[in-house]
C-alpha atoms as a PDB file:
ATOM      1  CA  UNK A   1      78.955 107.023 110.521  1.00  0.00           C
ATOM      2  CA  UNK A   2      82.387 108.022 109.098  1.00  0.00           C
ATOM      3  CA  UNK A   3      85.058 104.883 109.515  1.00  0.00           C
ATOM      4  CA  UNK A   4      88.836 104.522 108.734  1.00  0.00           C
ATOM      5  CA  UNK A   5      89.265 101.567 106.755  1.00  0.00           C
ATOM      6  CA  UNK A   6      91.904  99.129 107.947  1.00  0.00           C
ATOM      7  CA  UNK A   7      92.175  97.085 105.013  1.00  0.00           C
ATOM      8  CA  UNK A   8      91.040  97.796 101.286  1.00  0.00           C
ATOM      9  CA  UNK A   9      87.421  96.887 100.679  1.00  0.00           C
ATOM     10  CA  UNK A  10      85.963  96.244  97.606  1.00  0.00           C
ATOM     11  CA  UNK A  11      83.502  98.420  96.374  1.00  0.00           C
ATOM     12  CA  UNK A  12      84.237 101.037  98.855  1.00  0.00           C
ATOM     13  CA  UNK A  13      87.820 102.067  99.285  1.00  0.00           C
ATOM     14  CA  UNK A  14      91.267 101.653 100.024  1.00  0.00           C
ATOM     15  CA  UNK A  15      93.106 101.031 103.245  1.00  0.00           C
ATOM     16  CA  UNK A  16      93.747 104.250 105.401  1.00  0.00           C
ATOM     17  CA  UNK A  17      90.583 105.784 103.687  1.00  0.00           C
ATOM     18  CA  UNK A  18      88.237 107.854 105.606  1.00  0.00           C
ATOM     19  CA  UNK A  19      84.562 106.903 104.040  1.00  0.00           C
ATOM     20  CA  UNK A  20      80.855 107.127 105.197  1.00  0.00           C
ATOM     21  CA  UNK A  21      79.015 104.285 105.343  1.00  0.00           C
ATOM     22  CA  UNK A  22      75.665 103.380 107.234  1.00  0.00           C
ATOM     23  CA  UNK A  23      75.535 102.655 110.869  1.00  0.00           C
ATOM     24  CA  UNK A  24      74.331  98.799 110.227  1.00  0.00           C
ATOM     25  CA  UNK A  25      77.167  98.401 107.588  1.00  0.00           C
ATOM     26  CA  UNK A  26      79.812  99.506 110.097  1.00  0.00           C
ATOM     27  CA  UNK A  27      78.584  97.459 113.200  1.00  0.00           C
ATOM     28  CA  UNK A  28      77.333  94.457 111.626  1.00  0.00           C
ATOM     29  CA  UNK A  29      80.179  93.838 108.702  1.00  0.00           C
ATOM     30  CA  UNK A  30      83.114  96.353 109.061  1.00  0.00           C
ATOM     31  CA  UNK A  31      83.874  96.487 112.900  1.00  0.00           C
ATOM     32  CA  UNK A  32      83.643  92.467 113.643  1.00  0.00           C
ATOM     33  CA  UNK A  33      85.846  91.703 110.527  1.00  0.00           C
ATOM     34  CA  UNK A  34      88.269  94.621 111.900  1.00  0.00           C
ATOM     35  CA  UNK A  35      88.017  95.965 108.187  1.00  0.00           C
ATOM     36  CA  UNK A  36      87.476  99.181 110.054  1.00  0.00           C
ATOM     37  CA  UNK A  37      87.149 101.422 112.973  1.00  0.00           C
ATOM     38  CA  UNK A  38      84.880 104.430 113.685  1.00  0.00           C
ATOM     39  CA  UNK A  39      86.295 108.231 112.732  1.00  0.00           C
ATOM     40  CA  UNK A  40      87.094 109.312 116.289  1.00  0.00           C
ATOM     41  CA  UNK A  41      89.787 112.336 117.243  1.00  0.00           C
ATOM     42  CA  UNK A  42      92.210 109.504 118.745  1.00  0.00           C
ATOM     43  CA  UNK A  43      91.755 107.356 115.402  1.00  0.00           C
ATOM     44  CA  UNK A  44      92.362 110.277 113.402  1.00  0.00           C
ATOM     45  CA  UNK A  45      95.270 110.942 115.286  1.00  0.00           C
ATOM     46  CA  UNK A  46      96.791 107.482 115.222  1.00  0.00           C
ATOM     47  CA  UNK A  47      96.209 107.611 111.378  1.00  0.00           C
ATOM     48  CA  UNK A  48      98.281 110.389 110.725  1.00  0.00           C
ATOM     49  CA  UNK A  49     101.137 109.165 113.041  1.00  0.00           C
ATOM     50  CA  UNK A  50     101.024 105.820 111.140  1.00  0.00           C
ATOM     51  CA  UNK A  51     101.063 107.840 107.579  1.00  0.00           C
ATOM     52  CA  UNK A  52     103.936 109.773 108.820  1.00  0.00           C
ATOM     53  CA  UNK A  53     105.971 106.956 110.086  1.00  0.00           C
ATOM     54  CA  UNK A  54     105.317 105.216 106.606  1.00  0.00           C
ATOM     55  CA  UNK A  55     106.423 108.133 104.624  1.00  0.00           C
ATOM     56  CA  UNK A  56     109.761 108.499 106.656  1.00  0.00           C
ATOM     57  CA  UNK A  57     110.253 104.309 106.486  1.00  0.00           C
ATOM     58  CA  UNK A  58     109.851 104.937 102.724  1.00  0.00           C
ATOM     59  CA  UNK A  59     112.164 108.028 102.403  1.00  0.00           C
ATOM     60  CA  UNK A  60     114.731 105.942 104.416  1.00  0.00           C
ATOM     61  CA  UNK A  61     114.323 102.951 102.300  1.00  0.00           C
ATOM     62  CA  UNK A  62     114.660 105.347  98.859  1.00  0.00           C
ATOM     63  CA  UNK A  63     117.730 106.564 100.306  1.00  0.00           C
ATOM     64  CA  UNK A  64     119.406 103.279 100.940  1.00  0.00           C
ATOM     65  CA  UNK A  65     118.742 101.958  97.768  1.00  0.00           C
ATOM     66  CA  UNK A  66     120.387 105.295  96.224  1.00  0.00           C
ATOM     67  CA  UNK A  67     123.252 104.564  98.028  1.00  0.00           C
ATOM     68  CA  UNK A  68     123.309 101.091  96.818  1.00  0.00           C
ATOM     69  CA  UNK A  69     122.823 102.124  93.128  1.00  0.00           C
ATOM     70  CA  UNK A  70     125.767 104.443  93.355  1.00  0.00           C
ATOM     71  CA  UNK A  71     128.083 101.364  95.140  1.00  0.00           C
ATOM     72  CA  UNK A  72     126.761  99.145  92.357  1.00  0.00           C
ATOM     73  CA  UNK A  73     128.166 101.424  89.667  1.00  0.00           C
ATOM     74  CA  UNK A  74     131.930 100.558  90.491  1.00  0.00           C
ATOM     75  CA  UNK A  75     131.829  96.847  90.434  1.00  0.00           C
ATOM     76  CA  UNK A  76     132.397  94.638  87.648  1.00  0.00           C
ATOM     77  CA  UNK A  77     131.790  90.925  88.148  1.00  0.00           C
ATOM     78  CA  UNK A  78     133.921  88.530  86.358  1.00  0.00           C
ATOM     79  CA  UNK A  79     132.966  85.136  85.006  1.00  0.00           C
ATOM     80  CA  UNK A  80     135.204  82.874  83.544  1.00  0.00           C
ATOM     81  CA  UNK A  81     133.363  80.492  81.110  1.00  0.00           C
ATOM     82  CA  UNK A  82     134.056  78.038  78.630  1.00  0.00           C
ATOM     83  CA  UNK A  83     133.540  79.099  75.193  1.00  0.00           C
ATOM     84  CA  UNK A  84     133.725  78.230  71.290  1.00  0.00           C
ATOM     85  CA  UNK A  85     136.039  80.034  68.532  1.00  0.00           C
ATOM     86  CA  UNK A  86     133.416  82.692  67.712  1.00  0.00           C
ATOM     87  CA  UNK A  87     133.167  83.628  71.422  1.00  0.00           C
ATOM     88  CA  UNK A  88     129.760  81.993  72.011  1.00  0.00           C
ATOM     89  CA  UNK A  89     129.713  80.529  75.592  1.00  0.00           C
ATOM     90  CA  UNK A  90     128.666  76.725  76.377  1.00  0.00           C
ATOM     91  CA  UNK A  91     125.500  77.536  78.347  1.00  0.00           C
ATOM     92  CA  UNK A  92     125.016  80.996  79.640  1.00  0.00           C
ATOM     93  CA  UNK A  93     125.652  82.696  83.065  1.00  0.00           C
ATOM     94  CA  UNK A  94     122.308  83.219  84.719  1.00  0.00           C
ATOM     95  CA  UNK A  95     120.821  86.272  87.079  1.00  0.00           C
ATOM     96  CA  UNK A  96     120.907  83.587  90.195  1.00  0.00           C
ATOM     97  CA  UNK A  97     124.697  83.138  89.308  1.00  0.00           C
ATOM     98  CA  UNK A  98     125.017  87.090  89.424  1.00  0.00           C
ATOM     99  CA  UNK A  99     123.360  87.405  92.615  1.00  0.00           C
ATOM    100  CA  UNK A 100     125.403  84.643  94.194  1.00  0.00           C
ATOM    101  CA  UNK A 101     128.320  86.279  92.997  1.00  0.00           C
ATOM    102  CA  UNK A 102     127.256  89.767  94.481  1.00  0.00           C
ATOM    103  CA  UNK A 103     126.270  88.231  97.681  1.00  0.00           C
ATOM    104  CA  UNK A 104     129.604  86.014  98.173  1.00  0.00           C
ATOM    105  CA  UNK A 105     132.245  88.817  97.021  1.00  0.00           C
ATOM    106  CA  UNK A 106     130.292  92.200  97.857  1.00  0.00           C
ATOM    107  CA  UNK A 107     128.009  91.202 100.778  1.00  0.00           C
ATOM    108  CA  UNK A 108     125.139  92.621  98.548  1.00  0.00           C
ATOM    109  CA  UNK A 109     121.883  90.540  98.997  1.00  0.00           C
ATOM    110  CA  UNK A 110     119.600  91.576  95.610  1.00  0.00           C
ATOM    111  CA  UNK A 111     116.944  89.253  94.888  1.00  0.00           C
ATOM    112  CA  UNK A 112     117.407  87.543  90.884  1.00  0.00           C
ATOM    113  CA  UNK A 113     113.318  88.802  90.303  1.00  0.00           C
ATOM    114  CA  UNK A 114     114.445  92.805  90.707  1.00  0.00           C
ATOM    115  CA  UNK A 115     116.916  92.335  87.833  1.00  0.00           C
ATOM    116  CA  UNK A 116     115.061  94.583  85.027  1.00  0.00           C
ATOM    117  CA  UNK A 117     117.446  93.087  82.053  1.00  0.00           C
ATOM    118  CA  UNK A 118     116.686  89.922  81.646  1.00  0.00           C
ATOM    119  CA  UNK A 119     118.874  89.071  78.443  1.00  0.00           C
ATOM    120  CA  UNK A 120     120.818  85.647  78.300  1.00  0.00           C
ATOM    121  CA  UNK A 121     124.509  86.368  78.780  1.00  0.00           C
ATOM    122  CA  UNK A 122     125.619  83.574  76.380  1.00  0.00           C
ATOM    123  CA  UNK A 123     128.618  85.350  74.535  1.00  0.00           C
ATOM    124  CA  UNK A 124     131.808  86.855  75.861  1.00  0.00           C
ATOM    125  CA  UNK A 125     132.089  90.349  76.555  1.00  0.00           C
ATOM    126  CA  UNK A 126     130.603  93.161  78.682  1.00  0.00           C
ATOM    127  CA  UNK A 127     126.815  93.319  80.044  1.00  0.00           C
ATOM    128  CA  UNK A 128     125.023  95.903  81.994  1.00  0.00           C
ATOM    129  CA  UNK A 129     122.314  94.407  84.020  1.00  0.00           C
ATOM    130  CA  UNK A 130     120.019  97.022  85.033  1.00  0.00           C
ATOM    131  CA  UNK A 131     118.461  96.308  88.693  1.00  0.00           C
ATOM    132  CA  UNK A 132     114.975  97.920  90.439  1.00  0.00           C
ATOM    133  CA  UNK A 133     116.424  98.446  93.884  1.00  0.00           C
ATOM    134  CA  UNK A 134     113.211 100.747  94.529  1.00  0.00           C
ATOM    135  CA  UNK A 135     110.398 102.677  93.019  1.00  0.00           C
ATOM    136  CA  UNK A 136     112.103 104.664  90.316  1.00  0.00           C
ATOM    137  CA  UNK A 137     115.604 103.813  92.034  1.00  0.00           C
ATOM    138  CA  UNK A 138     117.359 101.785  89.235  1.00  0.00           C
ATOM    139  CA  UNK A 139     120.954 100.371  89.537  1.00  0.00           C
ATOM    140  CA  UNK A 140     123.339  99.296  87.101  1.00  0.00           C
ATOM    141  CA  UNK A 141     126.135  96.081  87.661  1.00  0.00           C
ATOM    142  CA  UNK A 142     128.104  95.413  84.808  1.00  0.00           C
ATOM    143  CA  UNK A 143     129.129  91.852  84.042  1.00  0.00           C
ATOM    144  CA  UNK A 144     132.421  90.909  82.098  1.00  0.00           C
ATOM    145  CA  UNK A 145     132.508  87.299  80.603  1.00  0.00           C
ATOM    146  CA  UNK A 146     135.593  85.995  79.738  1.00  0.00           C
ATOM    147  CA  UNK A 147     137.070  82.669  78.066  1.00  0.00           C
ATOM    148  CA  UNK A 148     138.944  80.163  80.458  1.00  0.00           C
ATOM    149  CA  UNK A 149     142.553  79.953  79.915  1.00  0.00           C
ATOM    150  CA  UNK A 150     142.648  83.830  78.725  1.00  0.00           C
END
């Protein structure tokens, strides 16, 4: 019997894959646990529609991420920090602070776990932080640390 998998099944296949299984395996294990549905013309049509919807949603998300990446290029975040004589910062500026500043000033919500650059910002100067906005779409935000009072 041919079935369409609704979830990943160990040693059988991935979600949305069409596989051939024995009748007993399908009726006694896969169907009751809602891991698969029988392959019919209607179920095949529904699967095709779902895959098309997913592809369109992914393309839209990628386009949004590319738009956001272009917007991030023009942004430079300024942080005033206490620093010693040699420009070393007392403490450091964290990715959480960068995330909060982006949200407060530019209404851009980016999770701190999306940052690729995890270097500590513990000296005055410019930093370029890379952010993975989507698979294959990398945005860059500039962060400038300057001494308080200068």
